[in-house]
Protein backbone atom coordinates (compact mmCIF):
# COMPACT_ATOMS: atom_id res chain seq x y z
CA UNK A 1 242.29 -1.11 141.77
CA UNK A 2 238.97 -0.04 142.79
CA UNK A 3 238.90 2.87 140.12
CA UNK A 4 239.78 0.45 137.47
CA UNK A 5 236.75 -1.65 138.42
CA UNK A 6 234.48 0.99 138.48
CA UNK A 7 235.59 2.26 134.93
CA UNK A 8 235.30 -1.53 133.62
CA UNK A 9 231.85 -1.66 135.15
CA UNK A 10 230.99 1.86 133.30
CA UNK A 11 232.12 0.39 129.83
CA UNK A 12 230.02 -2.82 130.49
CA UNK A 13 227.28 -0.95 131.15
CA UNK A 14 227.46 1.45 128.02
CA UNK A 15 227.84 -1.51 125.91
CA UNK A 16 224.85 -3.46 127.72
CA UNK A 17 222.79 -0.10 127.22
CA UNK A 18 223.57 0.32 123.44
CA UNK A 19 223.16 -3.61 122.27
CA UNK A 20 220.24 -3.66 124.60
CA UNK A 21 218.52 -0.96 122.80
CA UNK A 22 219.28 -2.41 119.43
CA UNK A 23 218.05 -6.10 120.39
CA UNK A 24 214.74 -4.15 122.03
CA UNK A 25 214.19 -2.37 118.91
CA UNK A 26 214.46 -5.27 116.50
CA UNK A 27 212.27 -7.45 118.84
CA UNK A 28 209.64 -4.65 119.51
CA UNK A 29 209.50 -3.88 115.56
CA UNK A 30 209.23 -7.50 114.97
CA UNK A 31 206.03 -7.89 117.15
CA UNK A 32 204.51 -4.70 115.76
CA UNK A 33 204.86 -5.89 112.19
CA UNK A 34 203.10 -9.35 112.94
CA UNK A 35 200.22 -7.13 114.40
CA UNK A 36 200.03 -5.35 111.11
CA UNK A 37 201.20 -2.03 112.51
CA UNK A 38 202.33 0.02 109.44
CA UNK A 39 206.22 0.33 109.15
CA UNK A 40 206.08 4.09 109.19
CA UNK A 41 204.64 4.13 112.38
CA UNK A 42 207.04 1.56 113.95
CA UNK A 43 209.76 3.63 112.66
CA UNK A 44 208.50 7.00 114.15
CA UNK A 45 207.84 5.36 117.58
CA UNK A 46 209.54 2.08 118.62
CA UNK A 47 212.59 2.81 116.28
CA UNK A 48 212.81 6.44 116.74
CA UNK A 49 212.89 5.86 120.66
CA UNK A 50 215.87 3.40 120.35
CA UNK A 51 218.42 5.84 120.24
CA UNK A 52 217.12 7.52 123.64
CA UNK A 53 216.58 4.24 125.22
CA UNK A 54 220.30 4.73 126.90
CA UNK A 55 219.58 8.21 128.27
CA UNK A 56 216.13 6.86 129.62
CA UNK A 57 217.49 3.96 131.35
CA UNK A 58 220.29 5.82 132.88
CA UNK A 59 217.93 8.70 134.04
CA UNK A 60 215.49 6.29 135.32
CA UNK A 61 217.87 4.57 137.43
CA UNK A 62 219.51 7.40 138.59
CA UNK A 63 216.10 8.93 139.86
CA UNK A 64 215.07 5.77 141.38
CA UNK A 65 218.38 5.38 143.48
CA UNK A 66 218.25 9.34 144.44
CA UNK A 67 220.95 10.18 142.00
CA UNK A 68 219.01 13.31 140.77
CA UNK A 69 221.72 15.34 139.65
CA UNK A 70 222.67 12.40 137.37
CA UNK A 71 219.32 12.08 136.25
CA UNK A 72 219.09 15.68 134.97
CA UNK A 73 222.73 16.38 133.80
CA UNK A 74 222.53 13.20 131.69
CA UNK A 75 219.68 14.29 129.62
CA UNK A 76 220.91 18.14 129.20
CA UNK A 77 224.50 17.07 128.75
CA UNK A 78 223.24 14.43 126.05
CA UNK A 79 221.31 17.26 124.36
CA UNK A 80 224.35 19.87 124.49
CA UNK A 81 226.57 16.84 123.25
CA UNK A 82 224.18 16.16 120.25
CA UNK A 83 223.67 19.74 119.21
CA UNK A 84 227.32 21.02 119.39
CA UNK A 85 229.55 17.66 118.74
CA UNK A 86 227.09 15.85 116.81
CA UNK A 87 226.18 18.39 114.25
CA UNK A 88 229.84 20.11 114.52
CA UNK A 89 231.35 16.62 113.57
CA UNK A 90 228.94 15.90 110.58
CA UNK A 91 229.47 19.27 109.31
CA UNK A 92 233.30 18.21 109.12
CA UNK A 93 232.04 15.85 106.33
CA UNK A 94 229.09 17.82 104.41
CA UNK A 95 227.09 20.99 105.12
CA UNK A 96 224.00 20.18 106.92
CA UNK A 97 221.01 21.56 104.75
CA UNK A 98 218.00 22.72 107.01
CA UNK A 99 214.57 22.16 105.83
CA UNK A 100 211.96 25.30 106.28
CA UNK A 101 209.67 22.90 108.49
CA UNK A 102 212.50 21.78 110.58
CA UNK A 103 213.31 25.60 111.34
CA UNK A 104 209.85 26.76 111.99
CA UNK A 105 208.56 23.62 114.16
CA UNK A 106 210.60 21.02 115.17
CA UNK A 107 213.56 23.29 116.18
CA UNK A 108 211.47 25.94 118.22
CA UNK A 109 209.92 23.09 119.62
CA UNK A 110 213.37 21.62 121.14
CA UNK A 111 213.75 25.17 122.46
CA UNK A 112 210.39 25.51 123.91
CA UNK A 113 210.74 22.03 125.73
CA UNK A 114 214.13 23.36 127.27
CA UNK A 115 212.51 26.51 128.52
CA UNK A 116 209.45 24.68 130.20
CA UNK A 117 212.21 22.40 131.67
CA UNK A 118 214.12 25.54 132.82
CA UNK A 119 210.70 27.06 134.05
CA UNK A 120 209.26 24.05 136.08
CA UNK A 121 212.66 23.58 137.64
CA UNK A 122 212.91 27.42 138.66
CA UNK A 123 209.54 27.44 140.10
CA UNK A 124 210.03 24.51 142.64
CA UNK A 125 213.35 23.30 142.41
CA UNK A 126 211.99 19.84 141.61
CA UNK A 127 210.62 18.10 138.61
CA UNK A 128 207.64 16.40 140.26
CA UNK A 129 205.42 13.63 139.12
CA UNK A 130 202.70 16.08 137.74
CA UNK A 131 205.40 17.75 135.74
CA UNK A 132 206.70 14.29 134.64
CA UNK A 133 203.16 13.37 133.53
CA UNK A 134 202.83 16.87 131.63
CA UNK A 135 205.86 15.97 129.61
CA UNK A 136 204.63 12.44 128.76
CA UNK A 137 201.41 14.14 127.84
CA UNK A 138 203.21 16.58 125.45
CA UNK A 139 205.38 13.93 124.08
CA UNK A 140 202.40 11.97 123.11
CA UNK A 141 200.98 14.80 121.27
CA UNK A 142 204.07 15.26 119.48
CA UNK A 143 204.32 11.52 118.34
CA UNK A 144 200.75 11.86 117.12
CA UNK A 145 201.36 14.99 115.13
CA UNK A 146 204.20 13.42 113.39
CA UNK A 147 202.34 10.35 112.52
CA UNK A 148 199.37 12.70 111.43
CA UNK A 149 201.44 14.79 109.26
CA UNK A 150 203.04 11.74 107.75
CA UNK A 151 199.78 10.24 106.91
CA UNK A 152 198.43 13.30 105.24
CA UNK A 153 201.52 13.66 102.99
CA UNK A 154 200.94 10.29 101.79
CA UNK A 155 197.15 11.06 100.85
CA UNK A 156 198.27 14.28 99.24
CA UNK A 157 201.75 14.11 97.77
CA UNK A 158 203.90 12.25 95.66
CA UNK A 159 205.88 9.42 96.77
CA UNK A 160 208.90 11.55 96.55
CA UNK A 161 207.72 14.10 98.59
CA UNK A 162 206.21 11.67 101.16
CA UNK A 163 209.78 10.28 101.09
CA UNK A 164 211.32 13.80 102.09
CA UNK A 165 208.85 14.52 104.92
CA UNK A 166 209.51 11.16 106.66
CA UNK A 167 213.07 11.84 106.31
CA UNK A 168 212.82 15.31 107.79
CA UNK A 169 210.42 14.61 110.74
CA UNK A 170 211.64 11.36 111.77
CA UNK A 171 214.48 11.14 114.35
CA UNK A 172 216.49 8.66 112.52
CA UNK A 173 217.06 7.74 109.02
CA UNK A 174 214.41 5.99 106.62
CA UNK A 175 217.67 3.45 105.80
CA UNK A 176 217.66 2.48 109.52
CA UNK A 177 214.10 1.98 109.32
CA UNK A 178 214.15 -0.39 106.45
CA UNK A 179 217.04 -2.23 107.47
CA UNK A 180 214.97 -2.92 110.93
CA UNK A 181 211.76 -3.98 108.71
CA UNK A 182 212.97 -5.68 106.03
CA UNK A 183 214.43 -8.34 108.55
CA UNK A 184 211.03 -8.41 110.78
CA UNK A 185 209.54 -11.40 108.98
CA UNK A 186 212.76 -13.35 109.42
CA UNK A 187 212.18 -13.16 113.03
CA UNK A 188 210.22 -16.29 114.40
CA UNK A 189 208.00 -15.40 117.50
CA UNK A 190 210.42 -17.11 120.04
CA UNK A 191 213.27 -15.14 118.76
CA UNK A 192 211.36 -11.80 118.98
CA UNK A 193 210.38 -12.72 122.97
CA UNK A 194 214.11 -13.45 123.62
CA UNK A 195 215.18 -9.99 121.86
CA UNK A 196 212.64 -8.00 123.74
CA UNK A 197 213.09 -9.65 127.21
CA UNK A 198 216.98 -9.78 126.57
CA UNK A 199 217.26 -6.29 125.53
CA UNK A 200 215.10 -5.10 128.43
CA UNK A 201 217.43 -6.89 130.49
CA UNK A 202 220.37 -5.53 129.27
CA UNK A 203 218.97 -2.06 129.46
CA UNK A 204 218.23 -2.26 133.04
CA UNK A 205 221.57 -3.77 134.33
CA UNK A 206 223.21 -1.31 131.84
CA UNK A 207 221.58 1.55 133.16
CA UNK A 208 222.50 0.04 136.70
CA UNK A 209 226.04 -0.41 135.98
CA UNK A 210 226.51 3.00 134.38
CA UNK A 211 225.20 4.71 137.23
CA UNK A 212 226.95 2.60 139.78
CA UNK A 213 230.14 3.03 137.73
CA UNK A 214 229.84 6.55 137.37
CA UNK A 215 228.86 7.54 140.77
CA UNK A 216 232.08 5.37 142.17
CA UNK A 217 234.01 7.34 139.52
CA UNK A 218 233.05 10.68 140.90
CA UNK A 219 233.49 9.72 144.41
CA UNK A 220 237.04 8.51 144.08
CA UNK A 221 237.96 11.30 141.88
CA UNK A 222 236.47 14.12 144.33
CA UNK A 223 234.28 14.98 141.21
CA UNK A 224 230.23 15.90 141.63
CA UNK A 225 227.72 13.65 139.88
CA UNK A 226 226.47 16.25 137.72
CA UNK A 227 229.97 16.90 136.16
CA UNK A 228 230.07 13.10 135.40
CA UNK A 229 226.53 13.07 134.30
CA UNK A 230 227.38 16.04 131.60
CA UNK A 231 230.71 14.53 130.44
CA UNK A 232 231.27 10.65 130.41
CA UNK A 233 227.38 9.57 130.87
CA UNK A 234 226.19 12.30 128.34
CA UNK A 235 228.62 11.38 125.73
CA UNK A 236 228.27 7.60 126.38
CA UNK A 237 224.38 7.59 126.04
CA UNK A 238 224.77 9.65 122.90
CA UNK A 239 226.92 7.31 120.84
CA UNK A 240 223.77 6.18 119.13
CA UNK A 241 222.76 9.52 117.85
CA UNK A 242 226.74 10.25 116.92
CA UNK A 243 226.99 7.10 115.06
CA UNK A 244 223.81 7.75 113.06
CA UNK A 245 224.49 11.01 112.33
CA UNK A 246 227.87 10.44 110.93
CA UNK A 247 226.73 7.79 108.72
CA UNK A 248 223.69 9.96 107.48
CA UNK A 249 226.20 12.70 106.86
CA UNK A 250 228.81 10.70 105.08
CA UNK A 251 226.19 9.10 102.64
CA UNK A 252 224.86 12.78 101.99
CA UNK A 253 221.56 12.11 103.83
CA UNK A 254 222.04 15.47 105.63
CA UNK A 255 218.06 15.72 106.45
CA UNK A 256 218.39 12.61 108.42
CA UNK A 257 221.56 13.65 110.58
CA UNK A 258 220.02 17.11 111.67
CA UNK A 259 216.64 15.33 112.04
CA UNK A 260 218.36 12.46 114.28
CA UNK A 261 219.55 15.27 116.67
CA UNK A 262 216.54 17.37 116.85
CA UNK A 263 214.13 14.32 117.61
CA UNK A 264 216.43 13.03 120.13
CA UNK A 265 216.91 16.22 121.84
CA UNK A 266 213.12 16.52 122.14
CA UNK A 267 212.82 12.62 123.32
CA UNK A 268 215.47 13.41 125.95
CA UNK A 269 213.46 16.15 127.89
CA UNK A 270 209.97 14.84 127.41
CA UNK A 271 210.49 11.31 127.34
CA UNK A 272 213.49 10.65 129.44
CA UNK A 273 212.87 13.21 132.09
CA UNK A 274 209.02 12.72 131.84
CA UNK A 275 209.35 8.74 132.70
CA UNK A 276 211.86 9.48 135.36
CA UNK A 277 209.91 12.18 137.21
CA UNK A 278 206.74 10.43 136.83
CA UNK A 279 208.16 7.25 138.77
CA UNK A 280 210.03 9.31 141.30
CA UNK A 281 210.40 13.41 141.54
CA UNK A 282 213.77 14.55 140.37
CA UNK A 283 215.40 17.48 142.22
CA UNK A 284 217.38 20.51 140.63
CA UNK A 285 220.55 21.90 141.52
CA UNK A 286 221.58 25.40 140.58
CA UNK A 287 224.03 23.86 138.47
CA UNK A 288 221.43 22.36 136.62
CA UNK A 289 219.63 25.64 135.83
CA UNK A 290 222.85 26.86 134.60
CA UNK A 291 223.45 23.84 132.44
CA UNK A 292 219.63 24.29 131.14
CA UNK A 293 220.12 27.98 130.27
CA UNK A 294 223.31 27.14 128.15
CA UNK A 295 221.50 24.51 126.63
CA UNK A 296 218.60 27.21 125.50
CA UNK A 297 221.67 29.48 124.29
CA UNK A 298 223.35 27.40 122.15
CA UNK A 299 220.04 26.11 120.71
CA UNK A 300 219.43 29.43 119.86
CA UNK A 301 222.71 29.91 118.47
CA UNK A 302 222.52 27.12 116.08
CA UNK A 303 219.18 27.88 115.03
CA UNK A 304 220.46 31.35 113.95
CA UNK A 305 223.61 29.39 112.05
CA UNK A 306 220.59 27.39 110.34
CA UNK A 307 218.38 30.33 109.54
CA UNK A 308 220.61 32.57 107.91
CA UNK A 309 222.06 30.35 105.01
CA UNK A 310 219.46 27.22 105.57
CA UNK A 311 222.60 25.19 106.46
CA UNK A 312 225.09 24.47 109.02
CA UNK A 313 228.26 24.52 107.40
CA UNK A 314 232.04 23.53 107.94
CA UNK A 315 232.89 26.87 109.61
CA UNK A 316 230.10 27.01 112.00
CA UNK A 317 230.36 23.29 112.87
CA UNK A 318 234.18 24.19 114.10
CA UNK A 319 232.47 27.39 115.77
CA UNK A 320 230.18 24.62 117.64
CA UNK A 321 232.94 22.34 118.57
CA UNK A 322 234.86 25.23 119.90
CA UNK A 323 232.00 26.17 122.15
CA UNK A 324 231.73 22.55 123.36
CA UNK A 325 235.45 22.83 124.25
CA UNK A 326 234.93 25.92 126.04
CA UNK A 327 231.83 24.45 128.06
CA UNK A 328 233.75 21.59 128.98
CA UNK A 329 236.50 23.77 130.18
CA UNK A 330 233.91 25.75 132.29
CA UNK A 331 231.98 22.67 134.06
CA UNK A 332 235.60 21.21 134.90
CA UNK A 333 236.58 24.47 136.73
CA UNK A 334 233.28 25.45 138.16
């Protein structure tokens, strides 16, 4: 009975996280639009962060409650799930073409972030406040770089090329941005406030419910928090990325699908763990170090797949899904 109750709490938490992120993004975007902030910047900041809000809420809550293994494993597990499952499933619909700029810049940056996380964890077995602030500084620089790149493109290239660059660099689709911005003017100020406050409350309590439910399930079943974080929570908080990428792939917007994954992986390390560590130091376990090393290895493998043919095809996607299945078996028996 208690196990069923914990499972219900976990599911309710996921629903609150995902819907809360939707409301928060829409309300925040409306306020930004009223302040005459360009839609492009809104899309690359507030809206793009929306798919990482569930991971952020869970990791911050886990850090504050002392469930450090949950904080690390959630972010790392989500990144592994994004690369192997989200990309792998998308290739079943259509090959994922990869832009040269993504191969040369965004993809290596995501590997660098994972390598930096591994290095900082190895040196002190703790991600401290200074480390968290460092991650947030790098994250700010990353956002400024994206915004400057698109602004420069708008001044020097054609509208079609600008649209292509935007689709390549942001971590969600242009259609999603347009969907949000097209409804912004229809939201009155009071509704914006309700959306923002309601979204924040839903995210807060959703994070609490997910952490409490997952921790209770782990105790009841005799499982480690690291295992729960790498499986149930990682999959649950990655639902926005999975849905967004599958929809983009089915509409043949392949740049959006892969861009969503790479952008979210960068956000998960720099923003999610940066915020969590800046609030409360996050301790590492050796299992976390192994999982981060696995993330780096599969990132390199995915980069090699993408570099050889400038796309991820169905055969490579199936290999990626098999790798994820093998990884699930490994973490269950270790």
